[in-house]
Protein backbone atom coordinates (compact mmCIF):
# COMPACT_ATOMS: atom_id res chain seq x y z
CA UNK A 1 0.00 0.00 0.00
CA UNK A 2 1.16 3.52 -0.86
CA UNK A 3 -0.06 6.50 1.14
CA UNK A 4 0.38 10.18 0.35
CA UNK A 5 -0.40 12.50 3.27
CA UNK A 6 -0.93 16.20 2.41
CA UNK A 7 1.83 16.09 -0.21
CA UNK A 8 2.92 19.30 -1.95
CA UNK A 9 5.62 19.72 -4.57
CA UNK A 10 7.00 23.18 -5.36
CA UNK A 11 9.55 23.81 -8.10
CA UNK A 12 11.97 26.75 -7.95
CA UNK A 13 10.84 27.72 -4.47
CA UNK A 14 11.52 31.37 -3.65
CA UNK A 15 12.30 32.24 -7.26
CA UNK A 16 10.27 34.44 -9.62
CA UNK A 17 9.30 31.31 -11.56
CA UNK A 18 8.14 29.36 -8.48
CA UNK A 19 5.50 26.81 -9.44
CA UNK A 20 3.41 24.49 -7.30
CA UNK A 21 2.77 21.31 -9.29
CA UNK A 22 1.05 19.26 -6.57
CA UNK A 23 -1.01 20.89 -3.83
CA UNK A 24 -1.84 19.10 -0.59
CA UNK A 25 -2.69 15.72 -2.11
CA UNK A 26 -3.72 12.91 0.20
CA UNK A 27 -4.21 9.59 -1.55
CA UNK A 28 -4.04 5.89 -0.73
CA UNK A 29 -3.19 3.33 -3.42
CA UNK A 30 -4.03 -0.20 -2.37
CA UNK A 31 -2.15 -3.13 -3.82
CA UNK A 32 -3.16 -5.42 -6.67
CA UNK A 33 -5.38 -2.96 -8.50
CA UNK A 34 -5.16 -0.42 -11.30
CA UNK A 35 -5.47 3.28 -10.55
CA UNK A 36 -5.76 5.78 -13.40
CA UNK A 37 -4.81 9.41 -12.83
CA UNK A 38 -6.67 11.66 -15.26
CA UNK A 39 -6.78 15.37 -15.98
CA UNK A 40 -5.63 17.92 -18.54
CA UNK A 41 -2.00 18.67 -19.33
CA UNK A 42 -0.45 20.58 -16.44
CA UNK A 43 -2.82 19.08 -13.87
CA UNK A 44 0.04 17.50 -11.90
CA UNK A 45 -0.34 13.87 -12.99
CA UNK A 46 3.28 13.36 -14.03
CA UNK A 47 4.66 15.09 -10.94
CA UNK A 48 2.43 12.98 -8.71
CA UNK A 49 3.69 9.82 -10.46
CA UNK A 50 7.29 10.91 -9.89
CA UNK A 51 6.56 11.41 -6.19
CA UNK A 52 4.83 8.04 -5.86
CA UNK A 53 7.70 6.33 -7.68
CA UNK A 54 10.39 7.95 -5.48
CA UNK A 55 11.84 9.84 -8.43
CA UNK A 56 11.21 13.17 -6.70
CA UNK A 57 10.84 14.33 -3.11
CA UNK A 58 7.83 16.23 -1.82
CA UNK A 59 8.36 19.79 -0.63
CA UNK A 60 6.08 18.98 2.27
CA UNK A 61 3.92 16.07 3.41
CA UNK A 62 4.68 12.38 3.82
CA UNK A 63 4.86 9.40 1.49
CA UNK A 64 4.51 5.97 3.08
CA UNK A 65 5.19 2.69 1.26
CA UNK A 66 4.21 -0.53 3.03
CA UNK A 67 4.25 1.24 6.37
CA UNK A 68 7.65 2.92 5.93
CA UNK A 69 7.94 6.71 5.61
CA UNK A 70 10.21 7.17 2.60
CA UNK A 71 9.85 10.87 1.82
CA UNK A 72 12.77 11.89 4.04
CA UNK A 73 15.14 9.02 3.27
CA UNK A 74 18.62 9.70 1.80
CA UNK A 75 18.92 9.22 -1.94
CA UNK A 76 20.87 5.96 -1.64
CA UNK A 77 17.89 4.36 0.11
CA UNK A 78 15.41 5.81 -2.37
CA UNK A 79 17.44 4.33 -5.21
CA UNK A 80 17.11 0.86 -3.72
CA UNK A 81 13.36 1.31 -3.14
CA UNK A 82 12.88 2.41 -6.76
CA UNK A 83 14.84 -0.56 -8.04
CA UNK A 84 13.10 -3.10 -5.82
CA UNK A 85 9.53 -1.82 -5.87
CA UNK A 86 8.82 0.08 -9.09
CA UNK A 87 8.91 -0.50 -12.81
CA UNK A 88 8.57 2.62 -14.97
CA UNK A 89 7.02 3.04 -18.41
CA UNK A 90 7.70 6.54 -19.70
CA UNK A 91 5.71 8.53 -22.26
CA UNK A 92 8.72 8.80 -24.60
CA UNK A 93 9.84 5.24 -23.69
CA UNK A 94 13.41 6.52 -23.03
CA UNK A 95 15.12 3.58 -24.69
CA UNK A 96 18.77 3.97 -25.63
CA UNK A 97 19.41 4.16 -29.35
CA UNK A 98 22.25 2.03 -30.61
CA UNK A 99 21.49 -0.75 -28.13
CA UNK A 100 19.45 -3.82 -28.95
CA UNK A 101 16.05 -4.60 -27.49
CA UNK A 102 17.65 -7.17 -25.16
CA UNK A 103 20.34 -4.75 -24.01
CA UNK A 104 17.75 -2.08 -23.21
CA UNK A 105 15.68 -4.54 -21.19
CA UNK A 106 18.73 -5.66 -19.22
CA UNK A 107 19.91 -2.18 -18.21
CA UNK A 108 17.91 -1.71 -14.96
CA UNK A 109 19.13 -5.08 -13.67
CA UNK A 110 22.86 -4.38 -13.88
CA UNK A 111 23.07 -2.49 -10.54
CA UNK A 112 21.43 -5.40 -8.71
CA UNK A 113 24.55 -7.52 -9.06
CA UNK A 114 22.62 -10.48 -10.45
CA UNK A 115 24.68 -12.84 -12.64
CA UNK A 116 24.73 -11.61 -16.22
CA UNK A 117 23.53 -14.94 -17.61
CA UNK A 118 20.47 -14.79 -15.35
CA UNK A 119 19.68 -11.23 -16.39
CA UNK A 120 20.02 -12.12 -20.06
CA UNK A 121 17.79 -15.17 -19.64
CA UNK A 122 15.13 -13.09 -17.88
CA UNK A 123 15.30 -10.42 -20.58
CA UNK A 124 14.82 -13.05 -23.25
CA UNK A 125 11.92 -14.59 -21.32
CA UNK A 126 10.18 -11.21 -21.10
CA UNK A 127 10.75 -10.42 -24.76
CA UNK A 128 9.34 -13.81 -25.73
CA UNK A 129 6.32 -13.25 -23.48
CA UNK A 130 5.65 -9.94 -25.27
CA UNK A 131 6.07 -11.41 -28.74
CA UNK A 132 9.50 -9.94 -29.39
CA UNK A 133 11.78 -12.97 -29.25
CA UNK A 134 12.74 -12.49 -32.90
CA UNK A 135 13.65 -8.84 -32.26
CA UNK A 136 15.94 -9.37 -29.25
CA UNK A 137 19.10 -8.39 -31.12
CA UNK A 138 17.53 -5.60 -33.20
CA UNK A 139 18.53 -2.03 -32.32
CA UNK A 140 15.55 -0.23 -30.82
CA UNK A 141 15.57 2.59 -33.37
CA UNK A 142 14.64 0.01 -36.01
CA UNK A 143 11.53 -1.17 -34.18
CA UNK A 144 7.95 -0.05 -34.77
CA UNK A 145 6.09 2.07 -32.22
CA UNK A 146 4.26 -0.91 -30.75
CA UNK A 147 7.44 -2.97 -30.58
CA UNK A 148 9.27 -0.10 -28.92
CA UNK A 149 6.60 0.15 -26.23
CA UNK A 150 6.71 -3.59 -25.55
CA UNK A 151 10.47 -3.33 -25.07
CA UNK A 152 9.79 -0.54 -22.57
CA UNK A 153 7.31 -2.79 -20.75
CA UNK A 154 9.83 -5.63 -20.63
CA UNK A 155 12.44 -3.24 -19.25
CA UNK A 156 9.98 -2.16 -16.55
CA UNK A 157 9.51 -5.81 -15.53
CA UNK A 158 13.14 -6.95 -15.49
CA UNK A 159 13.54 -6.50 -11.71
CA UNK A 160 10.15 -8.11 -10.98
CA UNK A 161 8.60 -4.98 -9.40
CA UNK A 162 5.39 -5.04 -7.39
CA UNK A 163 4.26 -1.65 -8.76
CA UNK A 164 4.13 -0.54 -12.40
CA UNK A 165 4.06 3.23 -12.96
CA UNK A 166 3.14 4.41 -16.47
CA UNK A 167 3.02 8.03 -17.69
CA UNK A 168 0.76 8.63 -20.72
CA UNK A 169 1.72 5.22 -22.16
CA UNK A 170 -0.67 5.43 -25.12
CA UNK A 171 0.09 9.02 -26.13
CA UNK A 172 1.95 7.99 -29.29
CA UNK A 173 -0.04 4.84 -30.13
CA UNK A 174 -3.01 4.27 -32.39
CA UNK A 175 -6.23 2.70 -31.12
CA UNK A 176 -5.25 -0.91 -31.82
CA UNK A 177 -1.88 -0.58 -30.09
CA UNK A 178 -3.47 1.26 -27.15
CA UNK A 179 -5.90 -1.63 -26.68
CA UNK A 180 -2.99 -4.08 -26.93
CA UNK A 181 -1.21 -2.14 -24.19
CA UNK A 182 -4.21 -2.38 -21.89
CA UNK A 183 -4.42 -6.13 -22.48
CA UNK A 184 -0.81 -6.42 -21.33
CA UNK A 185 -1.74 -4.36 -18.26
CA UNK A 186 -4.66 -6.73 -17.62
CA UNK A 187 -2.22 -9.63 -17.50
CA UNK A 188 0.09 -7.79 -15.10
CA UNK A 189 -2.80 -6.91 -12.81
CA UNK A 190 -3.85 -10.55 -12.91
CA UNK A 191 -0.41 -11.46 -11.58
CA UNK A 192 -1.09 -9.33 -8.50
CA UNK A 193 0.94 -6.28 -9.48
CA UNK A 194 -0.21 -2.77 -8.64
CA UNK A 195 -0.68 -0.47 -11.65
CA UNK A 196 -0.70 3.33 -11.54
CA UNK A 197 -1.28 4.95 -14.93
CA UNK A 198 -1.45 8.67 -15.71
CA UNK A 199 -3.49 9.25 -18.85
CA UNK A 200 -6.10 11.50 -20.41
CA UNK A 201 -6.88 8.76 -22.96
CA UNK A 202 -10.40 7.29 -22.46
CA UNK A 203 -9.15 3.99 -23.88
CA UNK A 204 -7.09 3.81 -20.68
CA UNK A 205 -9.22 5.25 -17.90
CA UNK A 206 -12.48 3.73 -19.21
CA UNK A 207 -10.92 0.29 -19.63
CA UNK A 208 -12.25 -2.45 -17.39
CA UNK A 209 -8.64 -3.09 -16.37
CA UNK A 210 -8.93 0.10 -14.27
CA UNK A 211 -10.74 -0.24 -10.96
CA UNK A 212 -10.23 3.33 -9.72
CA UNK A 213 -10.08 6.71 -11.45
CA UNK A 214 -8.56 9.74 -9.73
CA UNK A 215 -9.18 13.09 -11.40
CA UNK A 216 -6.68 15.95 -11.08
CA UNK A 217 -6.67 19.64 -11.91
CA UNK A 218 -4.29 22.42 -10.89
CA UNK A 219 -2.25 20.03 -8.77
CA UNK A 220 -5.19 18.87 -6.67
CA UNK A 221 -7.30 15.72 -6.59
CA UNK A 222 -10.72 16.83 -7.80
CA UNK A 223 -12.65 13.57 -7.76
CA UNK A 224 -12.33 9.85 -7.23
CA UNK A 225 -14.56 7.15 -8.59
CA UNK A 226 -14.61 3.44 -9.11
CA UNK A 227 -13.51 2.33 -12.53
CA UNK A 228 -15.50 0.05 -14.81
CA UNK A 229 -14.43 -2.91 -12.69
C-alpha atoms as a PDB file:
ATOM      1  CA  UNK A   1       0.000   0.000   0.000  1.00  0.00           C
ATOM      2  CA  UNK A   2       1.164   3.522  -0.863  1.00  0.00           C
ATOM      3  CA  UNK A   3      -0.056   6.505   1.137  1.00  0.00           C
ATOM      4  CA  UNK A   4       0.383  10.185   0.348  1.00  0.00           C
ATOM      5  CA  UNK A   5      -0.403  12.498   3.267  1.00  0.00           C
ATOM      6  CA  UNK A   6      -0.935  16.196   2.411  1.00  0.00           C
ATOM      7  CA  UNK A   7       1.830  16.091  -0.212  1.00  0.00           C
ATOM      8  CA  UNK A   8       2.916  19.296  -1.947  1.00  0.00           C
ATOM      9  CA  UNK A   9       5.616  19.719  -4.573  1.00  0.00           C
ATOM     10  CA  UNK A  10       7.005  23.179  -5.357  1.00  0.00           C
ATOM     11  CA  UNK A  11       9.549  23.811  -8.099  1.00  0.00           C
ATOM     12  CA  UNK A  12      11.974  26.754  -7.953  1.00  0.00           C
ATOM     13  CA  UNK A  13      10.838  27.724  -4.474  1.00  0.00           C
ATOM     14  CA  UNK A  14      11.518  31.367  -3.646  1.00  0.00           C
ATOM     15  CA  UNK A  15      12.305  32.236  -7.262  1.00  0.00           C
ATOM     16  CA  UNK A  16      10.265  34.445  -9.615  1.00  0.00           C
ATOM     17  CA  UNK A  17       9.301  31.305 -11.556  1.00  0.00           C
ATOM     18  CA  UNK A  18       8.139  29.364  -8.482  1.00  0.00           C
ATOM     19  CA  UNK A  19       5.504  26.807  -9.444  1.00  0.00           C
ATOM     20  CA  UNK A  20       3.412  24.494  -7.299  1.00  0.00           C
ATOM     21  CA  UNK A  21       2.772  21.311  -9.295  1.00  0.00           C
ATOM     22  CA  UNK A  22       1.055  19.259  -6.568  1.00  0.00           C
ATOM     23  CA  UNK A  23      -1.007  20.890  -3.834  1.00  0.00           C
ATOM     24  CA  UNK A  24      -1.845  19.100  -0.589  1.00  0.00           C
ATOM     25  CA  UNK A  25      -2.689  15.723  -2.109  1.00  0.00           C
ATOM     26  CA  UNK A  26      -3.720  12.909   0.201  1.00  0.00           C
ATOM     27  CA  UNK A  27      -4.206   9.588  -1.554  1.00  0.00           C
ATOM     28  CA  UNK A  28      -4.044   5.891  -0.734  1.00  0.00           C
ATOM     29  CA  UNK A  29      -3.187   3.335  -3.422  1.00  0.00           C
ATOM     30  CA  UNK A  30      -4.032  -0.198  -2.375  1.00  0.00           C
ATOM     31  CA  UNK A  31      -2.149  -3.129  -3.816  1.00  0.00           C
ATOM     32  CA  UNK A  32      -3.155  -5.419  -6.673  1.00  0.00           C
ATOM     33  CA  UNK A  33      -5.381  -2.964  -8.501  1.00  0.00           C
ATOM     34  CA  UNK A  34      -5.162  -0.424 -11.303  1.00  0.00           C
ATOM     35  CA  UNK A  35      -5.473   3.284 -10.553  1.00  0.00           C
ATOM     36  CA  UNK A  36      -5.757   5.781 -13.399  1.00  0.00           C
ATOM     37  CA  UNK A  37      -4.809   9.415 -12.829  1.00  0.00           C
ATOM     38  CA  UNK A  38      -6.667  11.664 -15.255  1.00  0.00           C
ATOM     39  CA  UNK A  39      -6.778  15.368 -15.977  1.00  0.00           C
ATOM     40  CA  UNK A  40      -5.627  17.923 -18.541  1.00  0.00           C
ATOM     41  CA  UNK A  41      -1.999  18.671 -19.331  1.00  0.00           C
ATOM     42  CA  UNK A  42      -0.453  20.576 -16.438  1.00  0.00           C
ATOM     43  CA  UNK A  43      -2.820  19.080 -13.871  1.00  0.00           C
ATOM     44  CA  UNK A  44       0.041  17.501 -11.903  1.00  0.00           C
ATOM     45  CA  UNK A  45      -0.342  13.870 -12.990  1.00  0.00           C
ATOM     46  CA  UNK A  46       3.278  13.357 -14.027  1.00  0.00           C
ATOM     47  CA  UNK A  47       4.658  15.086 -10.941  1.00  0.00           C
ATOM     48  CA  UNK A  48       2.427  12.976  -8.711  1.00  0.00           C
ATOM     49  CA  UNK A  49       3.689   9.824 -10.456  1.00  0.00           C
ATOM     50  CA  UNK A  50       7.290  10.912  -9.889  1.00  0.00           C
ATOM     51  CA  UNK A  51       6.562  11.411  -6.185  1.00  0.00           C
ATOM     52  CA  UNK A  52       4.833   8.044  -5.856  1.00  0.00           C
ATOM     53  CA  UNK A  53       7.704   6.331  -7.676  1.00  0.00           C
ATOM     54  CA  UNK A  54      10.390   7.948  -5.476  1.00  0.00           C
ATOM     55  CA  UNK A  55      11.838   9.843  -8.434  1.00  0.00           C
ATOM     56  CA  UNK A  56      11.215  13.174  -6.696  1.00  0.00           C
ATOM     57  CA  UNK A  57      10.840  14.329  -3.108  1.00  0.00           C
ATOM     58  CA  UNK A  58       7.830  16.232  -1.824  1.00  0.00           C
ATOM     59  CA  UNK A  59       8.363  19.791  -0.630  1.00  0.00           C
ATOM     60  CA  UNK A  60       6.077  18.979   2.273  1.00  0.00           C
ATOM     61  CA  UNK A  61       3.916  16.073   3.405  1.00  0.00           C
ATOM     62  CA  UNK A  62       4.681  12.379   3.820  1.00  0.00           C
ATOM     63  CA  UNK A  63       4.857   9.396   1.487  1.00  0.00           C
ATOM     64  CA  UNK A  64       4.508   5.966   3.076  1.00  0.00           C
ATOM     65  CA  UNK A  65       5.192   2.688   1.264  1.00  0.00           C
ATOM     66  CA  UNK A  66       4.213  -0.534   3.026  1.00  0.00           C
ATOM     67  CA  UNK A  67       4.250   1.245   6.370  1.00  0.00           C
ATOM     68  CA  UNK A  68       7.649   2.921   5.926  1.00  0.00           C
ATOM     69  CA  UNK A  69       7.939   6.705   5.606  1.00  0.00           C
ATOM     70  CA  UNK A  70      10.211   7.166   2.597  1.00  0.00           C
ATOM     71  CA  UNK A  71       9.846  10.867   1.822  1.00  0.00           C
ATOM     72  CA  UNK A  72      12.766  11.887   4.043  1.00  0.00           C
ATOM     73  CA  UNK A  73      15.142   9.025   3.271  1.00  0.00           C
ATOM     74  CA  UNK A  74      18.617   9.696   1.804  1.00  0.00           C
ATOM     75  CA  UNK A  75      18.920   9.220  -1.945  1.00  0.00           C
ATOM     76  CA  UNK A  76      20.873   5.957  -1.644  1.00  0.00           C
ATOM     77  CA  UNK A  77      17.889   4.361   0.110  1.00  0.00           C
ATOM     78  CA  UNK A  78      15.407   5.808  -2.374  1.00  0.00           C
ATOM     79  CA  UNK A  79      17.437   4.331  -5.215  1.00  0.00           C
ATOM     80  CA  UNK A  80      17.114   0.859  -3.723  1.00  0.00           C
ATOM     81  CA  UNK A  81      13.364   1.311  -3.139  1.00  0.00           C
ATOM     82  CA  UNK A  82      12.880   2.411  -6.757  1.00  0.00           C
ATOM     83  CA  UNK A  83      14.839  -0.562  -8.043  1.00  0.00           C
ATOM     84  CA  UNK A  84      13.100  -3.096  -5.819  1.00  0.00           C
ATOM     85  CA  UNK A  85       9.528  -1.815  -5.871  1.00  0.00           C
ATOM     86  CA  UNK A  86       8.822   0.078  -9.092  1.00  0.00           C
ATOM     87  CA  UNK A  87       8.914  -0.500 -12.811  1.00  0.00           C
ATOM     88  CA  UNK A  88       8.573   2.617 -14.968  1.00  0.00           C
ATOM     89  CA  UNK A  89       7.024   3.037 -18.414  1.00  0.00           C
ATOM     90  CA  UNK A  90       7.698   6.544 -19.705  1.00  0.00           C
ATOM     91  CA  UNK A  91       5.714   8.531 -22.255  1.00  0.00           C
ATOM     92  CA  UNK A  92       8.721   8.802 -24.597  1.00  0.00           C
ATOM     93  CA  UNK A  93       9.844   5.237 -23.689  1.00  0.00           C
ATOM     94  CA  UNK A  94      13.406   6.519 -23.030  1.00  0.00           C
ATOM     95  CA  UNK A  95      15.115   3.576 -24.694  1.00  0.00           C
ATOM     96  CA  UNK A  96      18.771   3.975 -25.629  1.00  0.00           C
ATOM     97  CA  UNK A  97      19.406   4.157 -29.350  1.00  0.00           C
ATOM     98  CA  UNK A  98      22.255   2.035 -30.606  1.00  0.00           C
ATOM     99  CA  UNK A  99      21.487  -0.750 -28.133  1.00  0.00           C
ATOM    100  CA  UNK A 100      19.451  -3.823 -28.946  1.00  0.00           C
ATOM    101  CA  UNK A 101      16.049  -4.604 -27.485  1.00  0.00           C
ATOM    102  CA  UNK A 102      17.652  -7.175 -25.162  1.00  0.00           C
ATOM    103  CA  UNK A 103      20.338  -4.747 -24.009  1.00  0.00           C
ATOM    104  CA  UNK A 104      17.750  -2.085 -23.207  1.00  0.00           C
ATOM    105  CA  UNK A 105      15.683  -4.544 -21.192  1.00  0.00           C
ATOM    106  CA  UNK A 106      18.729  -5.657 -19.220  1.00  0.00           C
ATOM    107  CA  UNK A 107      19.908  -2.181 -18.212  1.00  0.00           C
ATOM    108  CA  UNK A 108      17.906  -1.713 -14.962  1.00  0.00           C
ATOM    109  CA  UNK A 109      19.133  -5.078 -13.667  1.00  0.00           C
ATOM    110  CA  UNK A 110      22.864  -4.375 -13.884  1.00  0.00           C
ATOM    111  CA  UNK A 111      23.072  -2.493 -10.539  1.00  0.00           C
ATOM    112  CA  UNK A 112      21.430  -5.399  -8.705  1.00  0.00           C
ATOM    113  CA  UNK A 113      24.549  -7.519  -9.059  1.00  0.00           C
ATOM    114  CA  UNK A 114      22.619 -10.478 -10.449  1.00  0.00           C
ATOM    115  CA  UNK A 115      24.685 -12.841 -12.638  1.00  0.00           C
ATOM    116  CA  UNK A 116      24.733 -11.608 -16.216  1.00  0.00           C
ATOM    117  CA  UNK A 117      23.531 -14.935 -17.606  1.00  0.00           C
ATOM    118  CA  UNK A 118      20.473 -14.794 -15.347  1.00  0.00           C
ATOM    119  CA  UNK A 119      19.681 -11.225 -16.386  1.00  0.00           C
ATOM    120  CA  UNK A 120      20.024 -12.123 -20.057  1.00  0.00           C
ATOM    121  CA  UNK A 121      17.789 -15.169 -19.639  1.00  0.00           C
ATOM    122  CA  UNK A 122      15.132 -13.094 -17.875  1.00  0.00           C
ATOM    123  CA  UNK A 123      15.297 -10.416 -20.576  1.00  0.00           C
ATOM    124  CA  UNK A 124      14.822 -13.052 -23.252  1.00  0.00           C
ATOM    125  CA  UNK A 125      11.917 -14.585 -21.319  1.00  0.00           C
ATOM    126  CA  UNK A 126      10.177 -11.214 -21.100  1.00  0.00           C
ATOM    127  CA  UNK A 127      10.755 -10.417 -24.761  1.00  0.00           C
ATOM    128  CA  UNK A 128       9.338 -13.805 -25.731  1.00  0.00           C
ATOM    129  CA  UNK A 129       6.323 -13.251 -23.483  1.00  0.00           C
ATOM    130  CA  UNK A 130       5.653  -9.945 -25.268  1.00  0.00           C
ATOM    131  CA  UNK A 131       6.069 -11.415 -28.735  1.00  0.00           C
ATOM    132  CA  UNK A 132       9.502  -9.935 -29.392  1.00  0.00           C
ATOM    133  CA  UNK A 133      11.781 -12.973 -29.246  1.00  0.00           C
ATOM    134  CA  UNK A 134      12.741 -12.494 -32.896  1.00  0.00           C
ATOM    135  CA  UNK A 135      13.653  -8.844 -32.263  1.00  0.00           C
ATOM    136  CA  UNK A 136      15.936  -9.366 -29.251  1.00  0.00           C
ATOM    137  CA  UNK A 137      19.096  -8.387 -31.121  1.00  0.00           C
ATOM    138  CA  UNK A 138      17.534  -5.600 -33.198  1.00  0.00           C
ATOM    139  CA  UNK A 139      18.527  -2.027 -32.317  1.00  0.00           C
ATOM    140  CA  UNK A 140      15.554  -0.232 -30.817  1.00  0.00           C
ATOM    141  CA  UNK A 141      15.568   2.589 -33.370  1.00  0.00           C
ATOM    142  CA  UNK A 142      14.641   0.010 -36.008  1.00  0.00           C
ATOM    143  CA  UNK A 143      11.534  -1.170 -34.176  1.00  0.00           C
ATOM    144  CA  UNK A 144       7.949  -0.050 -34.769  1.00  0.00           C
ATOM    145  CA  UNK A 145       6.089   2.070 -32.223  1.00  0.00           C
ATOM    146  CA  UNK A 146       4.260  -0.914 -30.753  1.00  0.00           C
ATOM    147  CA  UNK A 147       7.443  -2.966 -30.581  1.00  0.00           C
ATOM    148  CA  UNK A 148       9.268  -0.095 -28.916  1.00  0.00           C
ATOM    149  CA  UNK A 149       6.604   0.149 -26.233  1.00  0.00           C
ATOM    150  CA  UNK A 150       6.708  -3.591 -25.549  1.00  0.00           C
ATOM    151  CA  UNK A 151      10.473  -3.330 -25.071  1.00  0.00           C
ATOM    152  CA  UNK A 152       9.788  -0.538 -22.572  1.00  0.00           C
ATOM    153  CA  UNK A 153       7.310  -2.786 -20.750  1.00  0.00           C
ATOM    154  CA  UNK A 154       9.827  -5.635 -20.634  1.00  0.00           C
ATOM    155  CA  UNK A 155      12.439  -3.245 -19.255  1.00  0.00           C
ATOM    156  CA  UNK A 156       9.982  -2.158 -16.547  1.00  0.00           C
ATOM    157  CA  UNK A 157       9.509  -5.805 -15.533  1.00  0.00           C
ATOM    158  CA  UNK A 158      13.145  -6.948 -15.490  1.00  0.00           C
ATOM    159  CA  UNK A 159      13.545  -6.498 -11.712  1.00  0.00           C
ATOM    160  CA  UNK A 160      10.154  -8.109 -10.982  1.00  0.00           C
ATOM    161  CA  UNK A 161       8.601  -4.985  -9.403  1.00  0.00           C
ATOM    162  CA  UNK A 162       5.392  -5.043  -7.392  1.00  0.00           C
ATOM    163  CA  UNK A 163       4.259  -1.647  -8.759  1.00  0.00           C
ATOM    164  CA  UNK A 164       4.133  -0.545 -12.402  1.00  0.00           C
ATOM    165  CA  UNK A 165       4.055   3.231 -12.962  1.00  0.00           C
ATOM    166  CA  UNK A 166       3.138   4.410 -16.469  1.00  0.00           C
ATOM    167  CA  UNK A 167       3.025   8.030 -17.689  1.00  0.00           C
ATOM    168  CA  UNK A 168       0.758   8.632 -20.721  1.00  0.00           C
ATOM    169  CA  UNK A 169       1.720   5.217 -22.157  1.00  0.00           C
ATOM    170  CA  UNK A 170      -0.668   5.426 -25.123  1.00  0.00           C
ATOM    171  CA  UNK A 171       0.092   9.024 -26.130  1.00  0.00           C
ATOM    172  CA  UNK A 172       1.955   7.985 -29.289  1.00  0.00           C
ATOM    173  CA  UNK A 173      -0.037   4.845 -30.135  1.00  0.00           C
ATOM    174  CA  UNK A 174      -3.014   4.266 -32.389  1.00  0.00           C
ATOM    175  CA  UNK A 175      -6.233   2.695 -31.123  1.00  0.00           C
ATOM    176  CA  UNK A 176      -5.255  -0.911 -31.820  1.00  0.00           C
ATOM    177  CA  UNK A 177      -1.877  -0.576 -30.093  1.00  0.00           C
ATOM    178  CA  UNK A 178      -3.469   1.256 -27.153  1.00  0.00           C
ATOM    179  CA  UNK A 179      -5.902  -1.627 -26.683  1.00  0.00           C
ATOM    180  CA  UNK A 180      -2.991  -4.083 -26.929  1.00  0.00           C
ATOM    181  CA  UNK A 181      -1.208  -2.143 -24.188  1.00  0.00           C
ATOM    182  CA  UNK A 182      -4.214  -2.378 -21.889  1.00  0.00           C
ATOM    183  CA  UNK A 183      -4.423  -6.128 -22.478  1.00  0.00           C
ATOM    184  CA  UNK A 184      -0.812  -6.418 -21.330  1.00  0.00           C
ATOM    185  CA  UNK A 185      -1.744  -4.356 -18.259  1.00  0.00           C
ATOM    186  CA  UNK A 186      -4.655  -6.732 -17.624  1.00  0.00           C
ATOM    187  CA  UNK A 187      -2.220  -9.625 -17.499  1.00  0.00           C
ATOM    188  CA  UNK A 188       0.089  -7.786 -15.101  1.00  0.00           C
ATOM    189  CA  UNK A 189      -2.798  -6.907 -12.808  1.00  0.00           C
ATOM    190  CA  UNK A 190      -3.847 -10.550 -12.906  1.00  0.00           C
ATOM    191  CA  UNK A 191      -0.407 -11.456 -11.576  1.00  0.00           C
ATOM    192  CA  UNK A 192      -1.093  -9.328  -8.500  1.00  0.00           C
ATOM    193  CA  UNK A 193       0.936  -6.280  -9.480  1.00  0.00           C
ATOM    194  CA  UNK A 194      -0.214  -2.766  -8.643  1.00  0.00           C
ATOM    195  CA  UNK A 195      -0.685  -0.472 -11.646  1.00  0.00           C
ATOM    196  CA  UNK A 196      -0.702   3.332 -11.538  1.00  0.00           C
ATOM    197  CA  UNK A 197      -1.281   4.955 -14.931  1.00  0.00           C
ATOM    198  CA  UNK A 198      -1.451   8.675 -15.706  1.00  0.00           C
ATOM    199  CA  UNK A 199      -3.485   9.250 -18.852  1.00  0.00           C
ATOM    200  CA  UNK A 200      -6.103  11.496 -20.414  1.00  0.00           C
ATOM    201  CA  UNK A 201      -6.882   8.756 -22.958  1.00  0.00           C
ATOM    202  CA  UNK A 202     -10.396   7.295 -22.459  1.00  0.00           C
ATOM    203  CA  UNK A 203      -9.150   3.992 -23.879  1.00  0.00           C
ATOM    204  CA  UNK A 204      -7.086   3.807 -20.676  1.00  0.00           C
ATOM    205  CA  UNK A 205      -9.222   5.245 -17.895  1.00  0.00           C
ATOM    206  CA  UNK A 206     -12.478   3.733 -19.213  1.00  0.00           C
ATOM    207  CA  UNK A 207     -10.919   0.292 -19.626  1.00  0.00           C
ATOM    208  CA  UNK A 208     -12.253  -2.450 -17.389  1.00  0.00           C
ATOM    209  CA  UNK A 209      -8.643  -3.086 -16.365  1.00  0.00           C
ATOM    210  CA  UNK A 210      -8.928   0.096 -14.268  1.00  0.00           C
ATOM    211  CA  UNK A 211     -10.741  -0.245 -10.962  1.00  0.00           C
ATOM    212  CA  UNK A 212     -10.232   3.327  -9.717  1.00  0.00           C
ATOM    213  CA  UNK A 213     -10.080   6.707 -11.455  1.00  0.00           C
ATOM    214  CA  UNK A 214      -8.556   9.738  -9.730  1.00  0.00           C
ATOM    215  CA  UNK A 215      -9.176  13.093 -11.403  1.00  0.00           C
ATOM    216  CA  UNK A 216      -6.684  15.951 -11.079  1.00  0.00           C
ATOM    217  CA  UNK A 217      -6.674  19.637 -11.906  1.00  0.00           C
ATOM    218  CA  UNK A 218      -4.294  22.417 -10.885  1.00  0.00           C
ATOM    219  CA  UNK A 219      -2.254  20.033  -8.768  1.00  0.00           C
ATOM    220  CA  UNK A 220      -5.194  18.866  -6.674  1.00  0.00           C
ATOM    221  CA  UNK A 221      -7.295  15.716  -6.592  1.00  0.00           C
ATOM    222  CA  UNK A 222     -10.723  16.828  -7.802  1.00  0.00           C
ATOM    223  CA  UNK A 223     -12.647  13.572  -7.763  1.00  0.00           C
ATOM    224  CA  UNK A 224     -12.329   9.847  -7.235  1.00  0.00           C
ATOM    225  CA  UNK A 225     -14.560   7.153  -8.595  1.00  0.00           C
ATOM    226  CA  UNK A 226     -14.615   3.444  -9.108  1.00  0.00           C
ATOM    227  CA  UNK A 227     -13.507   2.335 -12.534  1.00  0.00           C
ATOM    228  CA  UNK A 228     -15.500   0.045 -14.807  1.00  0.00           C
ATOM    229  CA  UNK A 229     -14.432  -2.909 -12.689  1.00  0.00           C
END
